[in-house]
Amino acid sequence: MSNDLIKELREITGAGILEIKNALAEIGHDKDKVVEFLRKKGALKAGKKADRVANEGIVEAYIHPGSRVGVLVEVNCETDFVARTDDFKQLAKDLALHIAAANPLYVSVADVPAEVVEKEKEIYKEEVKGKPEEIVNKILEGKISKYYEEVCLMEQPFAKNPDLKVKDLVAQAVSKMGENVVVKRFARFVLGN
């Protein structure tokens, strides 16, 4: 087992050394398969921790060069100990930068008002008028999913690594820090708007 491979996998996934060694022993040395395996395992851990209360954390501010765009984002965790770590602070900075770049409107799918979703569906229904109903439903489902990717922070591809969604980035942080991490809210300000 190469120490360089273990180090690289640790940087990519945030998993512990023992977890990586076990994954390599179980799956082999195919880096992509090991990364996928560890991400799935991290998502399971994050799911188990999602019920835990996260009422500590930080508010991170980001001002884009040129001072025309600014972001405030509240990121919560379970303890002030984790909130003071460099990893947690870096996560908050990355999220603020992403919000400045991607301009999401909501934190998650659950935050999108039902009337907004219905309005989008009406627009999409007009676009696919005349097609068979089962096809229309699949098209609507795909378009709504795409809409969520555009307007929901957690569904967007992460600005620094488009292969990773923001929710996967947060899940990695949960796995690495061992605590529930929640993006509570954000505000994005644009000069003149």
N, C-alpha and C. Protein backbone atom coordinates (compact mmCIF):
# COMPACT_ATOMS: atom_id res chain seq x y z
N MET A 1 0.83 -1.18 0.00
CA MET A 1 0.00 0.00 0.00
C MET A 1 0.88 1.25 0.00
N SER A 2 0.66 2.10 -0.95
CA SER A 2 1.46 3.30 -1.10
C SER A 2 0.98 4.39 -0.15
N ASN A 3 1.91 4.99 0.57
CA ASN A 3 1.56 6.11 1.45
C ASN A 3 1.08 7.31 0.66
N ASP A 4 1.63 7.48 -0.56
CA ASP A 4 1.19 8.59 -1.41
C ASP A 4 -0.28 8.42 -1.81
N LEU A 5 -0.67 7.19 -2.14
CA LEU A 5 -2.06 6.92 -2.50
C LEU A 5 -2.98 7.16 -1.31
N ILE A 6 -2.58 6.73 -0.14
CA ILE A 6 -3.39 6.94 1.07
C ILE A 6 -3.53 8.43 1.35
N LYS A 7 -2.43 9.16 1.22
CA LYS A 7 -2.46 10.61 1.44
C LYS A 7 -3.39 11.29 0.44
N GLU A 8 -3.29 10.90 -0.82
CA GLU A 8 -4.13 11.48 -1.87
C GLU A 8 -5.61 11.18 -1.61
N LEU A 9 -5.92 9.94 -1.25
CA LEU A 9 -7.31 9.56 -0.96
C LEU A 9 -7.83 10.31 0.27
N ARG A 10 -6.96 10.53 1.24
CA ARG A 10 -7.37 11.28 2.44
C ARG A 10 -7.72 12.72 2.08
N GLU A 11 -6.92 13.33 1.21
CA GLU A 11 -7.19 14.71 0.78
C GLU A 11 -8.49 14.80 -0.02
N ILE A 12 -8.74 13.82 -0.87
CA ILE A 12 -9.95 13.82 -1.71
C ILE A 12 -11.20 13.59 -0.89
N THR A 13 -11.17 12.62 0.02
CA THR A 13 -12.39 12.19 0.70
C THR A 13 -12.54 12.70 2.12
N GLY A 14 -11.44 13.05 2.77
CA GLY A 14 -11.50 13.44 4.17
C GLY A 14 -11.66 12.25 5.10
N ALA A 15 -11.58 11.03 4.56
CA ALA A 15 -11.74 9.81 5.37
C ALA A 15 -10.48 9.58 6.20
N GLY A 16 -10.63 8.79 7.27
CA GLY A 16 -9.50 8.45 8.13
C GLY A 16 -8.59 7.44 7.47
N ILE A 17 -7.36 7.38 7.94
CA ILE A 17 -6.36 6.48 7.36
C ILE A 17 -6.81 5.02 7.44
N LEU A 18 -7.35 4.62 8.59
CA LEU A 18 -7.81 3.24 8.75
C LEU A 18 -8.94 2.92 7.78
N GLU A 19 -9.87 3.86 7.62
CA GLU A 19 -10.98 3.66 6.66
C GLU A 19 -10.43 3.47 5.25
N ILE A 20 -9.45 4.28 4.89
CA ILE A 20 -8.85 4.19 3.55
C ILE A 20 -8.14 2.86 3.36
N LYS A 21 -7.37 2.45 4.35
CA LYS A 21 -6.66 1.16 4.27
C LYS A 21 -7.65 0.01 4.12
N ASN A 22 -8.74 0.06 4.89
CA ASN A 22 -9.77 -0.99 4.79
C ASN A 22 -10.43 -0.99 3.42
N ALA A 23 -10.70 0.20 2.89
CA ALA A 23 -11.33 0.30 1.56
C ALA A 23 -10.38 -0.23 0.49
N LEU A 24 -9.10 0.08 0.59
CA LEU A 24 -8.12 -0.41 -0.38
C LEU A 24 -8.02 -1.94 -0.30
N ALA A 25 -8.07 -2.48 0.90
CA ALA A 25 -8.00 -3.93 1.07
C ALA A 25 -9.25 -4.60 0.49
N GLU A 26 -10.39 -3.95 0.66
CA GLU A 26 -11.66 -4.53 0.20
C GLU A 26 -11.86 -4.38 -1.31
N ILE A 27 -11.49 -3.22 -1.85
CA ILE A 27 -11.81 -2.91 -3.25
C ILE A 27 -10.62 -3.09 -4.18
N GLY A 28 -9.43 -2.90 -3.66
CA GLY A 28 -8.24 -2.94 -4.51
C GLY A 28 -7.70 -1.52 -4.65
N HIS A 29 -6.77 -1.35 -5.57
CA HIS A 29 -6.09 -0.06 -5.70
C HIS A 29 -6.64 0.80 -6.83
N ASP A 30 -7.88 0.58 -7.24
CA ASP A 30 -8.53 1.43 -8.23
C ASP A 30 -9.00 2.69 -7.52
N LYS A 31 -8.26 3.79 -7.71
CA LYS A 31 -8.51 5.02 -6.97
C LYS A 31 -9.95 5.51 -7.10
N ASP A 32 -10.49 5.51 -8.33
CA ASP A 32 -11.85 6.01 -8.56
C ASP A 32 -12.89 5.19 -7.79
N LYS A 33 -12.74 3.87 -7.79
CA LYS A 33 -13.69 3.01 -7.08
C LYS A 33 -13.59 3.21 -5.57
N VAL A 34 -12.38 3.40 -5.08
CA VAL A 34 -12.17 3.62 -3.65
C VAL A 34 -12.78 4.96 -3.24
N VAL A 35 -12.58 6.00 -4.06
CA VAL A 35 -13.17 7.32 -3.77
C VAL A 35 -14.69 7.21 -3.73
N GLU A 36 -15.28 6.55 -4.72
CA GLU A 36 -16.73 6.38 -4.76
C GLU A 36 -17.23 5.63 -3.52
N PHE A 37 -16.54 4.56 -3.15
CA PHE A 37 -16.90 3.77 -1.97
C PHE A 37 -16.84 4.63 -0.70
N LEU A 38 -15.76 5.39 -0.54
CA LEU A 38 -15.60 6.21 0.66
C LEU A 38 -16.62 7.35 0.70
N ARG A 39 -16.96 7.91 -0.46
CA ARG A 39 -17.98 8.97 -0.50
C ARG A 39 -19.34 8.42 -0.08
N LYS A 40 -19.69 7.23 -0.57
CA LYS A 40 -20.95 6.61 -0.18
C LYS A 40 -20.98 6.35 1.32
N LYS A 41 -19.86 5.85 1.84
CA LYS A 41 -19.76 5.57 3.27
C LYS A 41 -19.87 6.87 4.07
N GLY A 42 -19.25 7.93 3.58
CA GLY A 42 -19.34 9.24 4.23
C GLY A 42 -20.75 9.79 4.21
N ALA A 43 -21.48 9.58 3.11
CA ALA A 43 -22.87 10.03 3.02
C ALA A 43 -23.75 9.28 4.02
N LEU A 44 -23.48 7.99 4.23
CA LEU A 44 -24.23 7.22 5.22
C LEU A 44 -23.99 7.76 6.63
N LYS A 45 -22.72 8.06 6.93
CA LYS A 45 -22.39 8.62 8.24
C LYS A 45 -23.08 9.97 8.41
N ALA A 46 -23.06 10.79 7.35
CA ALA A 46 -23.68 12.11 7.43
C ALA A 46 -25.18 11.98 7.68
N GLY A 47 -25.81 11.00 7.05
CA GLY A 47 -27.23 10.77 7.25
C GLY A 47 -27.55 10.42 8.69
N LYS A 48 -26.69 9.65 9.33
CA LYS A 48 -26.90 9.27 10.73
C LYS A 48 -26.74 10.47 11.66
N LYS A 49 -25.91 11.43 11.27
CA LYS A 49 -25.64 12.58 12.13
C LYS A 49 -26.60 13.74 11.86
N ALA A 50 -27.41 13.65 10.81
CA ALA A 50 -28.27 14.75 10.41
C ALA A 50 -29.32 15.11 11.45
N ASP A 51 -29.69 14.17 12.32
CA ASP A 51 -30.70 14.44 13.34
C ASP A 51 -30.14 15.18 14.55
N ARG A 52 -28.83 15.23 14.67
CA ARG A 52 -28.23 15.85 15.84
C ARG A 52 -28.30 17.38 15.73
N VAL A 53 -28.49 18.04 16.87
CA VAL A 53 -28.66 19.49 16.90
C VAL A 53 -27.34 20.19 16.60
N ALA A 54 -27.40 21.14 15.69
CA ALA A 54 -26.23 21.94 15.33
C ALA A 54 -26.56 23.40 15.61
N ASN A 55 -26.17 23.88 16.80
CA ASN A 55 -26.49 25.26 17.13
C ASN A 55 -25.25 26.09 17.50
N GLU A 56 -24.09 25.58 17.17
CA GLU A 56 -22.85 26.35 17.25
C GLU A 56 -22.45 26.65 15.81
N GLY A 57 -21.36 27.35 15.60
CA GLY A 57 -20.91 27.60 14.23
C GLY A 57 -20.37 28.99 14.06
N ILE A 58 -20.39 29.44 12.80
CA ILE A 58 -19.86 30.77 12.47
C ILE A 58 -20.69 31.41 11.37
N VAL A 59 -20.56 32.73 11.29
CA VAL A 59 -21.08 33.48 10.16
C VAL A 59 -19.85 33.94 9.39
N GLU A 60 -19.76 33.52 8.15
CA GLU A 60 -18.61 33.86 7.31
C GLU A 60 -19.01 34.96 6.34
N ALA A 61 -18.11 35.92 6.15
CA ALA A 61 -18.33 37.01 5.19
C ALA A 61 -17.34 36.89 4.05
N TYR A 62 -17.82 37.18 2.85
CA TYR A 62 -16.93 37.17 1.68
C TYR A 62 -17.27 38.39 0.83
N ILE A 63 -16.27 39.16 0.49
CA ILE A 63 -16.44 40.29 -0.42
C ILE A 63 -15.61 39.99 -1.66
N HIS A 64 -16.29 39.92 -2.80
CA HIS A 64 -15.61 39.61 -4.06
C HIS A 64 -14.70 40.78 -4.46
N PRO A 65 -13.53 40.49 -5.05
CA PRO A 65 -12.65 41.58 -5.49
C PRO A 65 -13.42 42.57 -6.37
N GLY A 66 -13.22 43.83 -6.09
CA GLY A 66 -13.96 44.88 -6.78
C GLY A 66 -15.10 45.40 -5.92
N SER A 67 -15.38 44.68 -4.83
CA SER A 67 -16.39 45.07 -3.83
C SER A 67 -17.78 45.31 -4.42
N ARG A 68 -18.15 44.53 -5.42
CA ARG A 68 -19.49 44.67 -6.02
C ARG A 68 -20.43 43.55 -5.56
N VAL A 69 -19.86 42.44 -5.04
CA VAL A 69 -20.66 41.33 -4.55
C VAL A 69 -20.16 40.94 -3.16
N GLY A 70 -21.10 40.75 -2.24
CA GLY A 70 -20.75 40.33 -0.89
C GLY A 70 -21.69 39.23 -0.43
N VAL A 71 -21.19 38.36 0.43
CA VAL A 71 -21.98 37.22 0.92
C VAL A 71 -21.78 37.09 2.43
N LEU A 72 -22.87 36.77 3.12
CA LEU A 72 -22.83 36.33 4.51
C LEU A 72 -23.48 34.95 4.53
N VAL A 73 -22.83 33.99 5.16
CA VAL A 73 -23.39 32.64 5.26
C VAL A 73 -23.22 32.14 6.70
N GLU A 74 -24.30 31.56 7.24
CA GLU A 74 -24.27 30.96 8.57
C GLU A 74 -24.13 29.45 8.41
N VAL A 75 -23.06 28.91 8.97
CA VAL A 75 -22.81 27.47 8.92
C VAL A 75 -22.76 26.99 10.37
N ASN A 76 -23.58 25.99 10.68
CA ASN A 76 -23.68 25.50 12.06
C ASN A 76 -23.06 24.12 12.21
N CYS A 77 -22.60 23.85 13.42
CA CYS A 77 -22.09 22.53 13.81
C CYS A 77 -22.54 22.28 15.25
N GLU A 78 -22.12 21.18 15.81
CA GLU A 78 -22.61 20.80 17.14
C GLU A 78 -21.84 21.44 18.29
N THR A 79 -20.55 21.71 18.11
CA THR A 79 -19.74 22.23 19.22
C THR A 79 -18.91 23.43 18.78
N ASP A 80 -18.61 24.31 19.74
CA ASP A 80 -17.76 25.45 19.42
C ASP A 80 -16.33 25.01 19.13
N PHE A 81 -15.94 23.84 19.64
CA PHE A 81 -14.61 23.29 19.36
C PHE A 81 -14.44 23.09 17.85
N VAL A 82 -15.40 22.44 17.21
CA VAL A 82 -15.34 22.21 15.77
C VAL A 82 -15.46 23.53 15.02
N ALA A 83 -16.30 24.45 15.51
CA ALA A 83 -16.50 25.74 14.84
C ALA A 83 -15.19 26.54 14.75
N ARG A 84 -14.27 26.29 15.66
CA ARG A 84 -13.00 27.03 15.66
C ARG A 84 -11.91 26.35 14.84
N THR A 85 -12.18 25.16 14.30
CA THR A 85 -11.14 24.45 13.54
C THR A 85 -10.93 25.07 12.17
N ASP A 86 -9.72 24.91 11.66
CA ASP A 86 -9.41 25.44 10.33
C ASP A 86 -10.26 24.79 9.25
N ASP A 87 -10.53 23.49 9.37
CA ASP A 87 -11.35 22.79 8.37
C ASP A 87 -12.75 23.38 8.30
N PHE A 88 -13.35 23.66 9.45
CA PHE A 88 -14.70 24.22 9.48
C PHE A 88 -14.70 25.63 8.90
N LYS A 89 -13.72 26.42 9.27
CA LYS A 89 -13.61 27.80 8.75
C LYS A 89 -13.40 27.78 7.24
N GLN A 90 -12.60 26.83 6.76
CA GLN A 90 -12.37 26.72 5.32
C GLN A 90 -13.65 26.33 4.58
N LEU A 91 -14.42 25.43 5.17
CA LEU A 91 -15.70 25.05 4.58
C LEU A 91 -16.61 26.28 4.45
N ALA A 92 -16.70 27.07 5.51
CA ALA A 92 -17.54 28.27 5.48
C ALA A 92 -17.05 29.25 4.42
N LYS A 93 -15.74 29.42 4.29
CA LYS A 93 -15.18 30.31 3.26
C LYS A 93 -15.51 29.79 1.87
N ASP A 94 -15.34 28.48 1.67
CA ASP A 94 -15.64 27.89 0.37
C ASP A 94 -17.12 28.07 0.01
N LEU A 95 -17.99 27.90 1.00
CA LEU A 95 -19.43 28.07 0.76
C LEU A 95 -19.75 29.52 0.40
N ALA A 96 -19.14 30.47 1.11
CA ALA A 96 -19.38 31.88 0.82
C ALA A 96 -18.91 32.23 -0.59
N LEU A 97 -17.74 31.75 -0.95
CA LEU A 97 -17.21 32.00 -2.30
C LEU A 97 -18.14 31.39 -3.34
N HIS A 98 -18.60 30.17 -3.10
CA HIS A 98 -19.51 29.50 -4.03
C HIS A 98 -20.80 30.31 -4.20
N ILE A 99 -21.36 30.79 -3.10
CA ILE A 99 -22.60 31.57 -3.16
C ILE A 99 -22.40 32.84 -3.98
N ALA A 100 -21.26 33.48 -3.81
CA ALA A 100 -20.96 34.68 -4.60
C ALA A 100 -20.91 34.35 -6.09
N ALA A 101 -20.32 33.21 -6.42
CA ALA A 101 -20.15 32.83 -7.83
C ALA A 101 -21.43 32.27 -8.45
N ALA A 102 -22.16 31.43 -7.72
CA ALA A 102 -23.27 30.67 -8.32
C ALA A 102 -24.65 31.30 -8.11
N ASN A 103 -24.78 32.24 -7.19
CA ASN A 103 -26.02 32.96 -6.95
C ASN A 103 -27.24 32.06 -6.70
N PRO A 104 -27.16 31.16 -5.73
CA PRO A 104 -28.35 30.36 -5.40
C PRO A 104 -29.41 31.24 -4.76
N LEU A 105 -30.67 30.80 -4.82
CA LEU A 105 -31.76 31.55 -4.21
C LEU A 105 -32.20 30.93 -2.88
N TYR A 106 -32.00 29.63 -2.73
CA TYR A 106 -32.45 28.90 -1.55
C TYR A 106 -31.32 27.99 -1.07
N VAL A 107 -31.39 27.59 0.20
CA VAL A 107 -30.38 26.68 0.74
C VAL A 107 -30.62 25.27 0.19
N SER A 108 -31.87 24.78 0.29
CA SER A 108 -32.16 23.41 -0.13
C SER A 108 -33.50 23.33 -0.84
N VAL A 109 -33.79 22.16 -1.40
CA VAL A 109 -35.05 21.92 -2.11
C VAL A 109 -36.23 22.19 -1.18
N ALA A 110 -36.12 21.83 0.09
CA ALA A 110 -37.20 22.04 1.05
C ALA A 110 -37.53 23.52 1.24
N ASP A 111 -36.61 24.40 0.93
CA ASP A 111 -36.83 25.84 1.12
C ASP A 111 -37.53 26.51 -0.05
N VAL A 112 -37.67 25.82 -1.18
CA VAL A 112 -38.31 26.40 -2.35
C VAL A 112 -39.83 26.39 -2.11
N PRO A 113 -40.47 27.57 -2.14
CA PRO A 113 -41.92 27.61 -1.92
C PRO A 113 -42.68 26.80 -2.96
N ALA A 114 -43.75 26.14 -2.52
CA ALA A 114 -44.56 25.29 -3.41
C ALA A 114 -45.10 26.08 -4.59
N GLU A 115 -45.48 27.33 -4.37
CA GLU A 115 -46.03 28.13 -5.48
C GLU A 115 -44.98 28.42 -6.55
N VAL A 116 -43.72 28.54 -6.15
CA VAL A 116 -42.64 28.74 -7.13
C VAL A 116 -42.47 27.49 -7.98
N VAL A 117 -42.51 26.32 -7.34
CA VAL A 117 -42.37 25.05 -8.06
C VAL A 117 -43.54 24.88 -9.03
N GLU A 118 -44.76 25.19 -8.57
CA GLU A 118 -45.94 25.08 -9.44
C GLU A 118 -45.85 26.01 -10.63
N LYS A 119 -45.37 27.23 -10.41
CA LYS A 119 -45.21 28.19 -11.50
C LYS A 119 -44.20 27.67 -12.54
N GLU A 120 -43.09 27.10 -12.04
CA GLU A 120 -42.10 26.52 -12.95
C GLU A 120 -42.71 25.36 -13.75
N LYS A 121 -43.49 24.52 -13.08
CA LYS A 121 -44.13 23.39 -13.76
C LYS A 121 -45.07 23.88 -14.86
N GLU A 122 -45.81 24.95 -14.58
CA GLU A 122 -46.72 25.51 -15.59
C GLU A 122 -45.95 25.99 -16.82
N ILE A 123 -44.83 26.65 -16.58
CA ILE A 123 -43.99 27.12 -17.69
C ILE A 123 -43.49 25.93 -18.52
N TYR A 124 -43.01 24.89 -17.83
CA TYR A 124 -42.48 23.71 -18.52
C TYR A 124 -43.58 22.95 -19.25
N LYS A 125 -44.79 22.92 -18.69
CA LYS A 125 -45.91 22.24 -19.34
C LYS A 125 -46.22 22.89 -20.68
N GLU A 126 -46.13 24.20 -20.73
CA GLU A 126 -46.36 24.92 -21.99
C GLU A 126 -45.32 24.53 -23.04
N GLU A 127 -44.11 24.31 -22.60
CA GLU A 127 -43.02 23.95 -23.52
C GLU A 127 -43.22 22.57 -24.14
N VAL A 128 -43.87 21.66 -23.42
CA VAL A 128 -43.98 20.27 -23.89
C VAL A 128 -45.42 19.90 -24.27
N LYS A 129 -46.23 20.90 -24.53
CA LYS A 129 -47.62 20.66 -24.91
C LYS A 129 -47.70 19.75 -26.13
N GLY A 130 -48.67 18.83 -26.10
CA GLY A 130 -48.90 17.97 -27.25
C GLY A 130 -48.17 16.65 -27.21
N LYS A 131 -47.32 16.44 -26.23
CA LYS A 131 -46.59 15.17 -26.12
C LYS A 131 -47.39 14.22 -25.22
N PRO A 132 -47.16 12.91 -25.33
CA PRO A 132 -47.86 11.94 -24.48
C PRO A 132 -47.59 12.22 -22.99
N GLU A 133 -48.61 11.95 -22.16
CA GLU A 133 -48.54 12.32 -20.74
C GLU A 133 -47.38 11.70 -19.99
N GLU A 134 -47.08 10.41 -20.25
CA GLU A 134 -45.97 9.77 -19.53
C GLU A 134 -44.63 10.42 -19.89
N ILE A 135 -44.50 10.88 -21.12
CA ILE A 135 -43.28 11.58 -21.54
C ILE A 135 -43.24 12.96 -20.90
N VAL A 136 -44.38 13.62 -20.87
CA VAL A 136 -44.47 14.95 -20.26
C VAL A 136 -44.04 14.88 -18.79
N ASN A 137 -44.52 13.87 -18.07
CA ASN A 137 -44.17 13.74 -16.65
C ASN A 137 -42.67 13.55 -16.45
N LYS A 138 -42.05 12.73 -17.30
CA LYS A 138 -40.60 12.52 -17.19
C LYS A 138 -39.83 13.80 -17.52
N ILE A 139 -40.29 14.50 -18.54
CA ILE A 139 -39.64 15.76 -18.92
C ILE A 139 -39.77 16.77 -17.78
N LEU A 140 -40.98 16.88 -17.20
CA LEU A 140 -41.20 17.81 -16.09
C LEU A 140 -40.30 17.47 -14.90
N GLU A 141 -40.21 16.20 -14.60
CA GLU A 141 -39.37 15.75 -13.49
C GLU A 141 -37.91 16.17 -13.72
N GLY A 142 -37.43 15.96 -14.94
CA GLY A 142 -36.05 16.34 -15.28
C GLY A 142 -35.83 17.84 -15.23
N LYS A 143 -36.81 18.60 -15.72
CA LYS A 143 -36.67 20.06 -15.73
C LYS A 143 -36.74 20.63 -14.31
N ILE A 144 -37.59 20.07 -13.47
CA ILE A 144 -37.67 20.54 -12.08
C ILE A 144 -36.36 20.21 -11.35
N SER A 145 -35.82 19.02 -11.61
CA SER A 145 -34.55 18.64 -11.01
C SER A 145 -33.45 19.62 -11.44
N LYS A 146 -33.44 19.97 -12.72
CA LYS A 146 -32.46 20.93 -13.25
C LYS A 146 -32.67 22.31 -12.61
N TYR A 147 -33.94 22.70 -12.42
CA TYR A 147 -34.26 23.97 -11.77
C TYR A 147 -33.68 24.00 -10.35
N TYR A 148 -33.86 22.90 -9.61
CA TYR A 148 -33.31 22.82 -8.25
C TYR A 148 -31.80 22.96 -8.27
N GLU A 149 -31.14 22.38 -9.26
CA GLU A 149 -29.68 22.51 -9.38
C GLU A 149 -29.26 23.95 -9.61
N GLU A 150 -30.11 24.72 -10.26
CA GLU A 150 -29.78 26.11 -10.54
C GLU A 150 -30.02 27.02 -9.34
N VAL A 151 -31.08 26.76 -8.55
CA VAL A 151 -31.48 27.72 -7.52
C VAL A 151 -31.21 27.27 -6.08
N CYS A 152 -30.90 26.00 -5.85
CA CYS A 152 -30.69 25.49 -4.49
C CYS A 152 -29.21 25.26 -4.24
N LEU A 153 -28.68 25.95 -3.25
CA LEU A 153 -27.26 25.85 -2.91
C LEU A 153 -26.79 24.41 -2.79
N MET A 154 -27.50 23.60 -2.03
CA MET A 154 -27.06 22.24 -1.75
C MET A 154 -27.06 21.34 -2.99
N GLU A 155 -27.83 21.69 -4.02
CA GLU A 155 -27.92 20.88 -5.24
C GLU A 155 -26.94 21.33 -6.32
N GLN A 156 -26.33 22.48 -6.15
CA GLN A 156 -25.45 23.03 -7.19
C GLN A 156 -24.10 22.30 -7.23
N PRO A 157 -23.53 22.20 -8.44
CA PRO A 157 -22.14 21.71 -8.53
C PRO A 157 -21.23 22.72 -7.83
N PHE A 158 -20.33 22.23 -7.00
CA PHE A 158 -19.44 23.10 -6.23
C PHE A 158 -18.52 23.88 -7.17
N ALA A 159 -18.41 25.18 -6.96
CA ALA A 159 -17.65 26.06 -7.86
C ALA A 159 -16.19 25.65 -8.02
N LYS A 160 -15.55 25.18 -6.94
CA LYS A 160 -14.14 24.81 -7.01
C LYS A 160 -13.93 23.40 -7.58
N ASN A 161 -14.98 22.57 -7.57
CA ASN A 161 -14.89 21.20 -8.08
C ASN A 161 -16.26 20.78 -8.60
N PRO A 162 -16.58 21.07 -9.86
CA PRO A 162 -17.91 20.80 -10.40
C PRO A 162 -18.33 19.32 -10.39
N ASP A 163 -17.38 18.40 -10.16
CA ASP A 163 -17.74 16.98 -10.06
C ASP A 163 -18.43 16.68 -8.73
N LEU A 164 -18.40 17.63 -7.83
CA LEU A 164 -18.92 17.47 -6.47
C LEU A 164 -20.06 18.46 -6.25
N LYS A 165 -21.20 17.99 -5.76
CA LYS A 165 -22.28 18.91 -5.41
C LYS A 165 -21.97 19.50 -4.03
N VAL A 166 -22.57 20.65 -3.74
CA VAL A 166 -22.34 21.30 -2.45
C VAL A 166 -22.77 20.38 -1.30
N LYS A 167 -23.88 19.65 -1.49
CA LYS A 167 -24.33 18.74 -0.42
C LYS A 167 -23.29 17.63 -0.17
N ASP A 168 -22.56 17.21 -1.22
CA ASP A 168 -21.50 16.22 -1.04
C ASP A 168 -20.31 16.81 -0.29
N LEU A 169 -20.01 18.08 -0.57
CA LEU A 169 -18.94 18.78 0.14
C LEU A 169 -19.27 18.84 1.63
N VAL A 170 -20.51 19.17 1.96
CA VAL A 170 -20.94 19.25 3.35
C VAL A 170 -20.91 17.85 3.98
N ALA A 171 -21.34 16.83 3.23
CA ALA A 171 -21.31 15.45 3.73
C ALA A 171 -19.87 15.02 4.04
N GLN A 172 -18.93 15.41 3.20
CA GLN A 172 -17.52 15.11 3.46
C GLN A 172 -17.05 15.78 4.75
N ALA A 173 -17.51 17.02 4.96
CA ALA A 173 -17.14 17.75 6.18
C ALA A 173 -17.70 17.04 7.41
N VAL A 174 -18.95 16.56 7.31
CA VAL A 174 -19.56 15.82 8.42
C VAL A 174 -18.73 14.58 8.73
N SER A 175 -18.36 13.87 7.69
CA SER A 175 -17.57 12.65 7.86
C SER A 175 -16.21 12.96 8.49
N LYS A 176 -15.58 14.01 8.03
CA LYS A 176 -14.24 14.36 8.49
C LYS A 176 -14.26 14.91 9.92
N MET A 177 -15.27 15.75 10.24
CA MET A 177 -15.30 16.42 11.54
C MET A 177 -16.02 15.60 12.60
N GLY A 178 -16.83 14.64 12.16
CA GLY A 178 -17.54 13.79 13.11
C GLY A 178 -18.73 14.46 13.77
N GLU A 179 -19.19 15.56 13.19
CA GLU A 179 -20.35 16.28 13.73
C GLU A 179 -21.29 16.64 12.60
N ASN A 180 -22.54 16.89 12.97
CA ASN A 180 -23.51 17.39 12.01
C ASN A 180 -23.11 18.80 11.61
N VAL A 181 -23.14 19.09 10.32
CA VAL A 181 -22.85 20.42 9.79
C VAL A 181 -24.04 20.84 8.95
N VAL A 182 -24.54 22.05 9.20
CA VAL A 182 -25.74 22.53 8.52
C VAL A 182 -25.49 23.93 7.99
N VAL A 183 -25.84 24.15 6.71
CA VAL A 183 -25.84 25.50 6.17
C VAL A 183 -27.21 26.06 6.53
N LYS A 184 -27.25 27.00 7.44
CA LYS A 184 -28.51 27.51 7.98
C LYS A 184 -29.16 28.52 7.05
N ARG A 185 -28.39 29.52 6.63
CA ARG A 185 -28.94 30.58 5.76
C ARG A 185 -27.80 31.38 5.16
N PHE A 186 -28.15 32.19 4.16
CA PHE A 186 -27.16 33.06 3.54
C PHE A 186 -27.85 34.29 2.98
N ALA A 187 -27.05 35.31 2.74
CA ALA A 187 -27.52 36.52 2.06
C ALA A 187 -26.44 36.91 1.07
N ARG A 188 -26.87 37.24 -0.14
CA ARG A 188 -25.93 37.65 -1.19
C ARG A 188 -26.31 39.05 -1.61
N PHE A 189 -25.35 39.95 -1.57
CA PHE A 189 -25.59 41.35 -1.88
C PHE A 189 -24.84 41.70 -3.16
N VAL A 190 -25.53 42.41 -4.08
CA VAL A 190 -24.91 42.87 -5.31
C VAL A 190 -25.09 44.38 -5.37
N LEU A 191 -24.02 45.11 -5.59
CA LEU A 191 -24.07 46.55 -5.65
C LEU A 191 -25.11 47.01 -6.68
N GLY A 192 -26.00 47.87 -6.27
CA GLY A 192 -27.02 48.40 -7.18
C GLY A 192 -28.28 47.59 -7.26
N ASN A 193 -28.35 46.43 -6.64
CA ASN A 193 -29.57 45.60 -6.67
C ASN A 193 -30.25 45.61 -5.32
